[in-house]
Amino acid sequence: MEVLFESEVRTESLILLKEENKDLSTLRTQLGVQAQTLSPHLKLLKDYHLIRSHSDTYELTTIGRLLAEKLVSLIDALDKAESMEDHAITSGSS
């Protein structure tokens, strides 16, 4: 889904919401962005039915949760591949 990969803020928002529901202030603090920066990203995630909000609290939808789980798996796999590549480069240069 390009809506996620076009923005680190959206990707990180989904990952943070996978841990637990969060209010705007908590998300903003954990992401290190201003509310006026975060709000359009959250609106887009809502438009794609990946999150929903109740008052000031945001949570993942079922689709959003599935996607967040896949995203975390993908990030872990990429980190592992990068680590293996770094190890191969280091081992090969001895």
PDB file of N, CA and C in Angstrom:
ATOM      1  N   MET A   1       0.836  -1.184   0.000  1.00  0.00           N
ATOM      2  CA  MET A   1       0.000   0.000   0.000  1.00  0.00           C
ATOM      3  C   MET A   1       0.874   1.238   0.000  1.00  0.00           C
ATOM      4  N   GLU A   2       0.823   1.930  -1.091  1.00  0.00           N
ATOM      5  CA  GLU A   2       1.680   3.108  -1.200  1.00  0.00           C
ATOM      6  C   GLU A   2       1.329   4.189  -0.195  1.00  0.00           C
ATOM      7  N   VAL A   3       0.090   4.214   0.293  1.00  0.00           N
ATOM      8  CA  VAL A   3      -0.287   5.219   1.286  1.00  0.00           C
ATOM      9  C   VAL A   3       0.615   5.127   2.519  1.00  0.00           C
ATOM     10  N   LEU A   4       1.099   3.948   2.836  1.00  0.00           N
ATOM     11  CA  LEU A   4       1.986   3.779   3.987  1.00  0.00           C
ATOM     12  C   LEU A   4       3.433   4.059   3.646  1.00  0.00           C
ATOM     13  N   PHE A   5       3.877   3.530   2.513  1.00  0.00           N
ATOM     14  CA  PHE A   5       5.291   3.631   2.176  1.00  0.00           C
ATOM     15  C   PHE A   5       5.696   5.028   1.736  1.00  0.00           C
ATOM     16  N   GLU A   6       4.724   5.874   1.440  1.00  0.00           N
ATOM     17  CA  GLU A   6       5.033   7.255   1.065  1.00  0.00           C
ATOM     18  C   GLU A   6       5.335   8.116   2.282  1.00  0.00           C
ATOM     19  N   SER A   7       5.053   7.618   3.475  1.00  0.00           N
ATOM     20  CA  SER A   7       5.214   8.441   4.672  1.00  0.00           C
ATOM     21  C   SER A   7       5.644   7.615   5.878  1.00  0.00           C
ATOM     22  N   GLU A   8       6.768   7.988   6.429  1.00  0.00           N
ATOM     23  CA  GLU A   8       7.246   7.332   7.644  1.00  0.00           C
ATOM     24  C   GLU A   8       6.301   7.615   8.814  1.00  0.00           C
ATOM     25  N   VAL A   9       5.687   8.806   8.822  1.00  0.00           N
ATOM     26  CA  VAL A   9       4.748   9.157   9.891  1.00  0.00           C
ATOM     27  C   VAL A   9       3.564   8.188   9.896  1.00  0.00           C
ATOM     28  N   ARG A  10       3.035   7.867   8.727  1.00  0.00           N
ATOM     29  CA  ARG A  10       1.899   6.941   8.654  1.00  0.00           C
ATOM     30  C   ARG A  10       2.322   5.524   9.048  1.00  0.00           C
ATOM     31  N   THR A  11       3.476   5.095   8.559  1.00  0.00           N
ATOM     32  CA  THR A  11       3.976   3.760   8.901  1.00  0.00           C
ATOM     33  C   THR A  11       4.192   3.639  10.408  1.00  0.00           C
ATOM     34  N   GLU A  12       4.885   4.609  10.978  1.00  0.00           N
ATOM     35  CA  GLU A  12       5.165   4.585  12.420  1.00  0.00           C
ATOM     36  C   GLU A  12       3.886   4.704  13.239  1.00  0.00           C
ATOM     37  N   SER A  13       2.916   5.463  12.754  1.00  0.00           N
ATOM     38  CA  SER A  13       1.636   5.586  13.462  1.00  0.00           C
ATOM     39  C   SER A  13       0.962   4.229  13.577  1.00  0.00           C
ATOM     40  N   LEU A  14       0.938   3.482  12.475  1.00  0.00           N
ATOM     41  CA  LEU A  14       0.319   2.151  12.508  1.00  0.00           C
ATOM     42  C   LEU A  14       1.049   1.235  13.480  1.00  0.00           C
ATOM     43  N   ILE A  15       2.363   1.276  13.455  1.00  0.00           N
ATOM     44  CA  ILE A  15       3.150   0.410  14.337  1.00  0.00           C
ATOM     45  C   ILE A  15       2.909   0.774  15.803  1.00  0.00           C
ATOM     46  N   LEU A  16       2.856   2.071  16.102  1.00  0.00           N
ATOM     47  CA  LEU A  16       2.587   2.499  17.479  1.00  0.00           C
ATOM     48  C   LEU A  16       1.190   2.089  17.929  1.00  0.00           C
ATOM     49  N   LEU A  17       0.219   2.207  17.035  1.00  0.00           N
ATOM     50  CA  LEU A  17      -1.153   1.836  17.388  1.00  0.00           C
ATOM     51  C   LEU A  17      -1.320   0.324  17.512  1.00  0.00           C
ATOM     52  N   LYS A  18      -0.400  -0.433  16.930  1.00  0.00           N
ATOM     53  CA  LYS A  18      -0.428  -1.893  17.083  1.00  0.00           C
ATOM     54  C   LYS A  18      -0.177  -2.258  18.544  1.00  0.00           C
ATOM     55  N   GLU A  19       0.671  -1.478  19.210  1.00  0.00           N
ATOM     56  CA  GLU A  19       0.994  -1.726  20.616  1.00  0.00           C
ATOM     57  C   GLU A  19      -0.225  -1.505  21.506  1.00  0.00           C
ATOM     58  N   GLU A  20      -0.918  -0.371  21.292  1.00  0.00           N
ATOM     59  CA  GLU A  20      -2.108  -0.028  22.072  1.00  0.00           C
ATOM     60  C   GLU A  20      -2.762   1.212  21.479  1.00  0.00           C
ATOM     61  N   ASN A  21      -4.021   1.438  21.838  1.00  0.00           N
ATOM     62  CA  ASN A  21      -4.711   2.649  21.407  1.00  0.00           C
ATOM     63  C   ASN A  21      -4.017   3.849  22.034  1.00  0.00           C
ATOM     64  N   LYS A  22      -3.995   4.958  21.302  1.00  0.00           N
ATOM     65  CA  LYS A  22      -3.291   6.140  21.796  1.00  0.00           C
ATOM     66  C   LYS A  22      -4.082   7.396  21.465  1.00  0.00           C
ATOM     67  N   ASP A  23      -3.918   8.412  22.302  1.00  0.00           N
ATOM     68  CA  ASP A  23      -4.545   9.689  21.989  1.00  0.00           C
ATOM     69  C   ASP A  23      -3.601  10.512  21.119  1.00  0.00           C
ATOM     70  N   LEU A  24      -4.121  11.595  20.573  1.00  0.00           N
ATOM     71  CA  LEU A  24      -3.347  12.422  19.649  1.00  0.00           C
ATOM     72  C   LEU A  24      -2.063  12.928  20.293  1.00  0.00           C
ATOM     73  N   SER A  25      -2.154  13.361  21.532  1.00  0.00           N
ATOM     74  CA  SER A  25      -0.984  13.904  22.223  1.00  0.00           C
ATOM     75  C   SER A  25       0.120  12.853  22.367  1.00  0.00           C
ATOM     76  N   THR A  26      -0.254  11.636  22.724  1.00  0.00           N
ATOM     77  CA  THR A  26       0.728  10.553  22.876  1.00  0.00           C
ATOM     78  C   THR A  26       1.367  10.208  21.540  1.00  0.00           C
ATOM     79  N   LEU A  27       0.545  10.074  20.510  1.00  0.00           N
ATOM     80  CA  LEU A  27       1.087   9.790  19.172  1.00  0.00           C
ATOM     81  C   LEU A  27       2.054  10.883  18.740  1.00  0.00           C
ATOM     82  N   ARG A  28       1.634  12.114  18.934  1.00  0.00           N
ATOM     83  CA  ARG A  28       2.449  13.260  18.530  1.00  0.00           C
ATOM     84  C   ARG A  28       3.799  13.230  19.243  1.00  0.00           C
ATOM     85  N   THR A  29       3.768  12.979  20.538  1.00  0.00           N
ATOM     86  CA  THR A  29       5.006  12.933  21.329  1.00  0.00           C
ATOM     87  C   THR A  29       5.904  11.784  20.882  1.00  0.00           C
ATOM     88  N   GLN A  30       5.331  10.595  20.721  1.00  0.00           N
ATOM     89  CA  GLN A  30       6.132   9.430  20.349  1.00  0.00           C
ATOM     90  C   GLN A  30       6.700   9.544  18.939  1.00  0.00           C
ATOM     91  N   LEU A  31       5.986  10.240  18.060  1.00  0.00           N
ATOM     92  CA  LEU A  31       6.470  10.422  16.688  1.00  0.00           C
ATOM     93  C   LEU A  31       7.376  11.648  16.556  1.00  0.00           C
ATOM     94  N   GLY A  32       7.301  12.540  17.536  1.00  0.00           N
ATOM     95  CA  GLY A  32       8.117  13.749  17.495  1.00  0.00           C
ATOM     96  C   GLY A  32       7.664  14.743  16.438  1.00  0.00           C
ATOM     97  N   VAL A  33       6.339  14.845  16.246  1.00  0.00           N
ATOM     98  CA  VAL A  33       5.796  15.784  15.257  1.00  0.00           C
ATOM     99  C   VAL A  33       4.719  16.653  15.900  1.00  0.00           C
ATOM    100  N   GLN A  34       4.419  17.764  15.253  1.00  0.00           N
ATOM    101  CA  GLN A  34       3.366  18.661  15.712  1.00  0.00           C
ATOM    102  C   GLN A  34       2.001  18.112  15.316  1.00  0.00           C
ATOM    103  N   ALA A  35       0.967  18.529  16.031  1.00  0.00           N
ATOM    104  CA  ALA A  35      -0.400  18.077  15.742  1.00  0.00           C
ATOM    105  C   ALA A  35      -0.806  18.425  14.320  1.00  0.00           C
ATOM    106  N   GLN A  36      -0.429  19.618  13.856  1.00  0.00           N
ATOM    107  CA  GLN A  36      -0.811  20.025  12.495  1.00  0.00           C
ATOM    108  C   GLN A  36      -0.090  19.199  11.432  1.00  0.00           C
ATOM    109  N   THR A  37       1.012  18.576  11.781  1.00  0.00           N
ATOM    110  CA  THR A  37       1.704  17.660  10.868  1.00  0.00           C
ATOM    111  C   THR A  37       1.042  16.287  10.904  1.00  0.00           C
ATOM    112  N   LEU A  38       0.694  15.830  12.088  1.00  0.00           N
ATOM    113  CA  LEU A  38       0.158  14.485  12.269  1.00  0.00           C
ATOM    114  C   LEU A  38      -1.286  14.345  11.789  1.00  0.00           C
ATOM    115  N   SER A  39      -2.102  15.334  12.036  1.00  0.00           N
ATOM    116  CA  SER A  39      -3.544  15.237  11.739  1.00  0.00           C
ATOM    117  C   SER A  39      -3.869  14.825  10.306  1.00  0.00           C
ATOM    118  N   PRO A  40      -3.239  15.420   9.279  1.00  0.00           N
ATOM    119  CA  PRO A  40      -3.554  14.980   7.908  1.00  0.00           C
ATOM    120  C   PRO A  40      -3.186  13.516   7.644  1.00  0.00           C
ATOM    121  N   HIS A  41      -2.124  13.048   8.279  1.00  0.00           N
ATOM    122  CA  HIS A  41      -1.722  11.645   8.119  1.00  0.00           C
ATOM    123  C   HIS A  41      -2.762  10.718   8.755  1.00  0.00           C
ATOM    124  N   LEU A  42      -3.238  11.092   9.936  1.00  0.00           N
ATOM    125  CA  LEU A  42      -4.258  10.283  10.600  1.00  0.00           C
ATOM    126  C   LEU A  42      -5.553  10.288   9.800  1.00  0.00           C
ATOM    127  N   LYS A  43      -5.892  11.427   9.233  1.00  0.00           N
ATOM    128  CA  LYS A  43      -7.100  11.510   8.407  1.00  0.00           C
ATOM    129  C   LYS A  43      -6.991  10.562   7.214  1.00  0.00           C
ATOM    130  N   LEU A  44      -5.834  10.533   6.577  1.00  0.00           N
ATOM    131  CA  LEU A  44      -5.633   9.645   5.432  1.00  0.00           C
ATOM    132  C   LEU A  44      -5.746   8.173   5.847  1.00  0.00           C
ATOM    133  N   LEU A  45      -5.165   7.826   6.988  1.00  0.00           N
ATOM    134  CA  LEU A  45      -5.277   6.452   7.490  1.00  0.00           C
ATOM    135  C   LEU A  45      -6.736   6.101   7.788  1.00  0.00           C
ATOM    136  N   LYS A  46      -7.490   7.084   8.288  1.00  0.00           N
ATOM    137  CA  LYS A  46      -8.928   6.866   8.515  1.00  0.00           C
ATOM    138  C   LYS A  46      -9.659   6.703   7.191  1.00  0.00           C
ATOM    139  N   ASP A  47      -9.319   7.522   6.208  1.00  0.00           N
ATOM    140  CA  ASP A  47      -9.957   7.439   4.887  1.00  0.00           C
ATOM    141  C   ASP A  47      -9.745   6.070   4.245  1.00  0.00           C
ATOM    142  N   TYR A  48      -8.604   5.452   4.521  1.00  0.00           N
ATOM    143  CA  TYR A  48      -8.299   4.116   3.990  1.00  0.00           C
ATOM    144  C   TYR A  48      -8.787   3.000   4.928  1.00  0.00           C
ATOM    145  N   HIS A  49      -9.510   3.381   5.975  1.00  0.00           N
ATOM    146  CA  HIS A  49     -10.101   2.436   6.936  1.00  0.00           C
ATOM    147  C   HIS A  49      -9.053   1.594   7.661  1.00  0.00           C
ATOM    148  N   LEU A  50      -7.891   2.199   7.907  1.00  0.00           N
ATOM    149  CA  LEU A  50      -6.836   1.501   8.640  1.00  0.00           C
ATOM    150  C   LEU A  50      -6.883   1.825  10.126  1.00  0.00           C
ATOM    151  N   ILE A  51      -7.419   3.002  10.464  1.00  0.00           N
ATOM    152  CA  ILE A  51      -7.605   3.389  11.862  1.00  0.00           C
ATOM    153  C   ILE A  51      -8.996   3.996  12.013  1.00  0.00           C
ATOM    154  N   ARG A  52      -9.417   4.105  13.269  1.00  0.00           N
ATOM    155  CA  ARG A  52     -10.649   4.835  13.592  1.00  0.00           C
ATOM    156  C   ARG A  52     -10.384   5.591  14.887  1.00  0.00           C
ATOM    157  N   SER A  53     -11.211   6.581  15.143  1.00  0.00           N
ATOM    158  CA  SER A  53     -11.027   7.363  16.364  1.00  0.00           C
ATOM    159  C   SER A  53     -12.335   7.436  17.140  1.00  0.00           C
ATOM    160  N   HIS A  54     -12.183   7.470  18.440  1.00  0.00           N
ATOM    161  CA  HIS A  54     -13.283   7.672  19.378  1.00  0.00           C
ATOM    162  C   HIS A  54     -12.824   8.802  20.279  1.00  0.00           C
ATOM    163  N   SER A  55     -13.502   9.934  20.204  1.00  0.00           N
ATOM    164  CA  SER A  55     -13.077  11.157  20.888  1.00  0.00           C
ATOM    165  C   SER A  55     -11.690  11.503  20.380  1.00  0.00           C
ATOM    166  N   ASP A  56     -10.719  11.451  21.278  1.00  0.00           N
ATOM    167  CA  ASP A  56      -9.347  11.808  20.901  1.00  0.00           C
ATOM    168  C   ASP A  56      -8.448  10.570  20.866  1.00  0.00           C
ATOM    169  N   THR A  57      -9.030   9.376  20.936  1.00  0.00           N
ATOM    170  CA  THR A  57      -8.253   8.142  20.961  1.00  0.00           C
ATOM    171  C   THR A  57      -8.321   7.441  19.612  1.00  0.00           C
ATOM    172  N   TYR A  58      -7.166   7.010  19.145  1.00  0.00           N
ATOM    173  CA  TYR A  58      -7.064   6.324  17.854  1.00  0.00           C
ATOM    174  C   TYR A  58      -6.783   4.852  18.084  1.00  0.00           C
ATOM    175  N   GLU A  59      -7.374   4.016  17.215  1.00  0.00           N
ATOM    176  CA  GLU A  59      -7.139   2.577  17.284  1.00  0.00           C
ATOM    177  C   GLU A  59      -7.120   2.008  15.873  1.00  0.00           C
ATOM    178  N   LEU A  60      -6.494   0.849  15.740  1.00  0.00           N
ATOM    179  CA  LEU A  60      -6.450   0.175  14.446  1.00  0.00           C
ATOM    180  C   LEU A  60      -7.782  -0.503  14.161  1.00  0.00           C
ATOM    181  N   THR A  61      -8.168  -0.521  12.907  1.00  0.00           N
ATOM    182  CA  THR A  61      -9.284  -1.350  12.475  1.00  0.00           C
ATOM    183  C   THR A  61      -8.738  -2.767  12.305  1.00  0.00           C
ATOM    184  N   THR A  62      -9.593  -3.711  12.002  1.00  0.00           N
ATOM    185  CA  THR A  62      -9.129  -5.082  11.771  1.00  0.00           C
ATOM    186  C   THR A  62      -8.130  -5.115  10.618  1.00  0.00           C
ATOM    187  N   ILE A  63      -8.451  -4.424   9.547  1.00  0.00           N
ATOM    188  CA  ILE A  63      -7.536  -4.363   8.393  1.00  0.00           C
ATOM    189  C   ILE A  63      -6.237  -3.672   8.787  1.00  0.00           C
ATOM    190  N   GLY A  64      -6.339  -2.590   9.543  1.00  0.00           N
ATOM    191  CA  GLY A  64      -5.155  -1.868   9.996  1.00  0.00           C
ATOM    192  C   GLY A  64      -4.256  -2.729  10.859  1.00  0.00           C
ATOM    193  N   ARG A  65      -4.868  -3.543  11.731  1.00  0.00           N
ATOM    194  CA  ARG A  65      -4.082  -4.425  12.607  1.00  0.00           C
ATOM    195  C   ARG A  65      -3.350  -5.487  11.788  1.00  0.00           C
ATOM    196  N   LEU A  66      -4.048  -6.094  10.834  1.00  0.00           N
ATOM    197  CA  LEU A  66      -3.407  -7.092   9.966  1.00  0.00           C
ATOM    198  C   LEU A  66      -2.247  -6.478   9.197  1.00  0.00           C
ATOM    199  N   LEU A  67      -2.462  -5.299   8.668  1.00  0.00           N
ATOM    200  CA  LEU A  67      -1.420  -4.617   7.910  1.00  0.00           C
ATOM    201  C   LEU A  67      -0.241  -4.249   8.810  1.00  0.00           C
ATOM    202  N   ALA A  68      -0.520  -3.766  10.017  1.00  0.00           N
ATOM    203  CA  ALA A  68       0.548  -3.406  10.956  1.00  0.00           C
ATOM    204  C   ALA A  68       1.385  -4.627  11.313  1.00  0.00           C
ATOM    205  N   GLU A  69       0.733  -5.768  11.512  1.00  0.00           N
ATOM    206  CA  GLU A  69       1.472  -6.998  11.827  1.00  0.00           C
ATOM    207  C   GLU A  69       2.380  -7.402  10.670  1.00  0.00           C
ATOM    208  N   LYS A  70       1.870  -7.302   9.457  1.00  0.00           N
ATOM    209  CA  LYS A  70       2.683  -7.622   8.274  1.00  0.00           C
ATOM    210  C   LYS A  70       3.835  -6.634   8.132  1.00  0.00           C
ATOM    211  N   LEU A  71       3.561  -5.380   8.422  1.00  0.00           N
ATOM    212  CA  LEU A  71       4.587  -4.343   8.329  1.00  0.00           C
ATOM    213  C   LEU A  71       5.732  -4.623   9.295  1.00  0.00           C
ATOM    214  N   VAL A  72       5.383  -4.978  10.525  1.00  0.00           N
ATOM    215  CA  VAL A  72       6.409  -5.287  11.527  1.00  0.00           C
ATOM    216  C   VAL A  72       7.235  -6.489  11.074  1.00  0.00           C
ATOM    217  N   SER A  73       6.582  -7.506  10.535  1.00  0.00           N
ATOM    218  CA  SER A  73       7.305  -8.682  10.023  1.00  0.00           C
ATOM    219  C   SER A  73       8.240  -8.301   8.886  1.00  0.00           C
ATOM    220  N   LEU A  74       7.766  -7.453   7.990  1.00  0.00           N
ATOM    221  CA  LEU A  74       8.585  -7.000   6.865  1.00  0.00           C
ATOM    222  C   LEU A  74       9.792  -6.205   7.353  1.00  0.00           C
ATOM    223  N   ILE A  75       9.570  -5.297   8.283  1.00  0.00           N
ATOM    224  CA  ILE A  75      10.672  -4.489   8.822  1.00  0.00           C
ATOM    225  C   ILE A  75      11.690  -5.386   9.515  1.00  0.00           C
ATOM    226  N   ASP A  76      11.219  -6.367  10.296  1.00  0.00           N
ATOM    227  CA  ASP A  76      12.128  -7.312  10.961  1.00  0.00           C
ATOM    228  C   ASP A  76      12.951  -8.096   9.944  1.00  0.00           C
ATOM    229  N   ALA A  77      12.303  -8.562   8.877  1.00  0.00           N
ATOM    230  CA  ALA A  77      13.005  -9.327   7.835  1.00  0.00           C
ATOM    231  C   ALA A  77      14.047  -8.460   7.137  1.00  0.00           C
ATOM    232  N   LEU A  78      13.691  -7.211   6.849  1.00  0.00           N
ATOM    233  CA  LEU A  78      14.644  -6.304   6.198  1.00  0.00           C
ATOM    234  C   LEU A  78      15.825  -6.000   7.108  1.00  0.00           C
ATOM    235  N   ASP A  79      15.557  -5.805   8.406  1.00  0.00           N
ATOM    236  CA  ASP A  79      16.639  -5.571   9.368  1.00  0.00           C
ATOM    237  C   ASP A  79      17.568  -6.780   9.443  1.00  0.00           C
ATOM    238  N   LYS A  80      16.982  -7.978   9.452  1.00  0.00           N
ATOM    239  CA  LYS A  80      17.773  -9.209   9.517  1.00  0.00           C
ATOM    240  C   LYS A  80      18.637  -9.357   8.262  1.00  0.00           C
ATOM    241  N   ALA A  81      18.053  -9.078   7.101  1.00  0.00           N
ATOM    242  CA  ALA A  81      18.799  -9.171   5.843  1.00  0.00           C
ATOM    243  C   ALA A  81      19.941  -8.161   5.823  1.00  0.00           C
ATOM    244  N   GLU A  82      19.675  -6.957   6.306  1.00  0.00           N
ATOM    245  CA  GLU A  82      20.720  -5.928   6.345  1.00  0.00           C
ATOM    246  C   GLU A  82      21.840  -6.338   7.296  1.00  0.00           C
ATOM    247  N   SER A  83      21.471  -6.911   8.429  1.00  0.00           N
ATOM    248  CA  SER A  83      22.460  -7.370   9.396  1.00  0.00           C
ATOM    249  C   SER A  83      23.321  -8.489   8.811  1.00  0.00           C
ATOM    250  N   MET A  84      22.693  -9.411   8.097  1.00  0.00           N
ATOM    251  CA  MET A  84      23.435 -10.509   7.467  1.00  0.00           C
ATOM    252  C   MET A  84      24.371  -9.969   6.387  1.00  0.00           C
ATOM    253  N   GLU A  85      23.891  -8.981   5.645  1.00  0.00           N
ATOM    254  CA  GLU A  85      24.726  -8.379   4.603  1.00  0.00           C
ATOM    255  C   GLU A  85      25.926  -7.674   5.227  1.00  0.00           C
ATOM    256  N   ASP A  86      25.680  -6.922   6.310  1.00  0.00           N
ATOM    257  CA  ASP A  86      26.774  -6.237   7.006  1.00  0.00           C
ATOM    258  C   ASP A  86      27.790  -7.244   7.536  1.00  0.00           C
ATOM    259  N   HIS A  87      27.295  -8.352   8.084  1.00  0.00           N
ATOM    260  CA  HIS A  87      28.185  -9.391   8.609  1.00  0.00           C
ATOM    261  C   HIS A  87      29.013 -10.014   7.482  1.00  0.00           C
ATOM    262  N   ALA A  88      28.376 -10.252   6.345  1.00  0.00           N
ATOM    263  CA  ALA A  88      29.081 -10.845   5.199  1.00  0.00           C
ATOM    264  C   ALA A  88      30.165  -9.901   4.691  1.00  0.00           C
ATOM    265  N   ILE A  89      29.870  -8.616   4.655  1.00  0.00           N
ATOM    266  CA  ILE A  89      30.854  -7.628   4.191  1.00  0.00           C
ATOM    267  C   ILE A  89      32.020  -7.569   5.169  1.00  0.00           C
ATOM    268  N   THR A  90      31.703  -7.544   6.477  1.00  0.00           N
ATOM    269  CA  THR A  90      32.743  -7.481   7.503  1.00  0.00           C
ATOM    270  C   THR A  90      33.596  -8.747   7.493  1.00  0.00           C
ATOM    271  N   SER A  91      32.967  -9.901   7.377  1.00  0.00           N
ATOM    272  CA  SER A  91      33.695 -11.178   7.363  1.00  0.00           C
ATOM    273  C   SER A  91      34.550 -11.313   6.115  1.00  0.00           C
ATOM    274  N   GLY A  92      34.069 -10.797   5.015  1.00  0.00           N
ATOM    275  CA  GLY A  92      34.787 -10.901   3.749  1.00  0.00           C
ATOM    276  C   GLY A  92      35.981  -9.984   3.649  1.00  0.00           C
ATOM    277  N   SER A  93      36.017  -8.953   4.495  1.00  0.00           N
ATOM    278  CA  SER A  93      37.117  -7.993   4.384  1.00  0.00           C
ATOM    279  C   SER A  93      38.261  -8.302   5.332  1.00  0.00           C
ATOM    280  N   SER A  94      38.225  -9.445   6.049  1.00  0.00           N
ATOM    281  CA  SER A  94      39.307  -9.767   6.984  1.00  0.00           C
ATOM    282  C   SER A  94      40.498 -10.321   6.297  1.00  0.00           C
TER     283      SER A  94
END
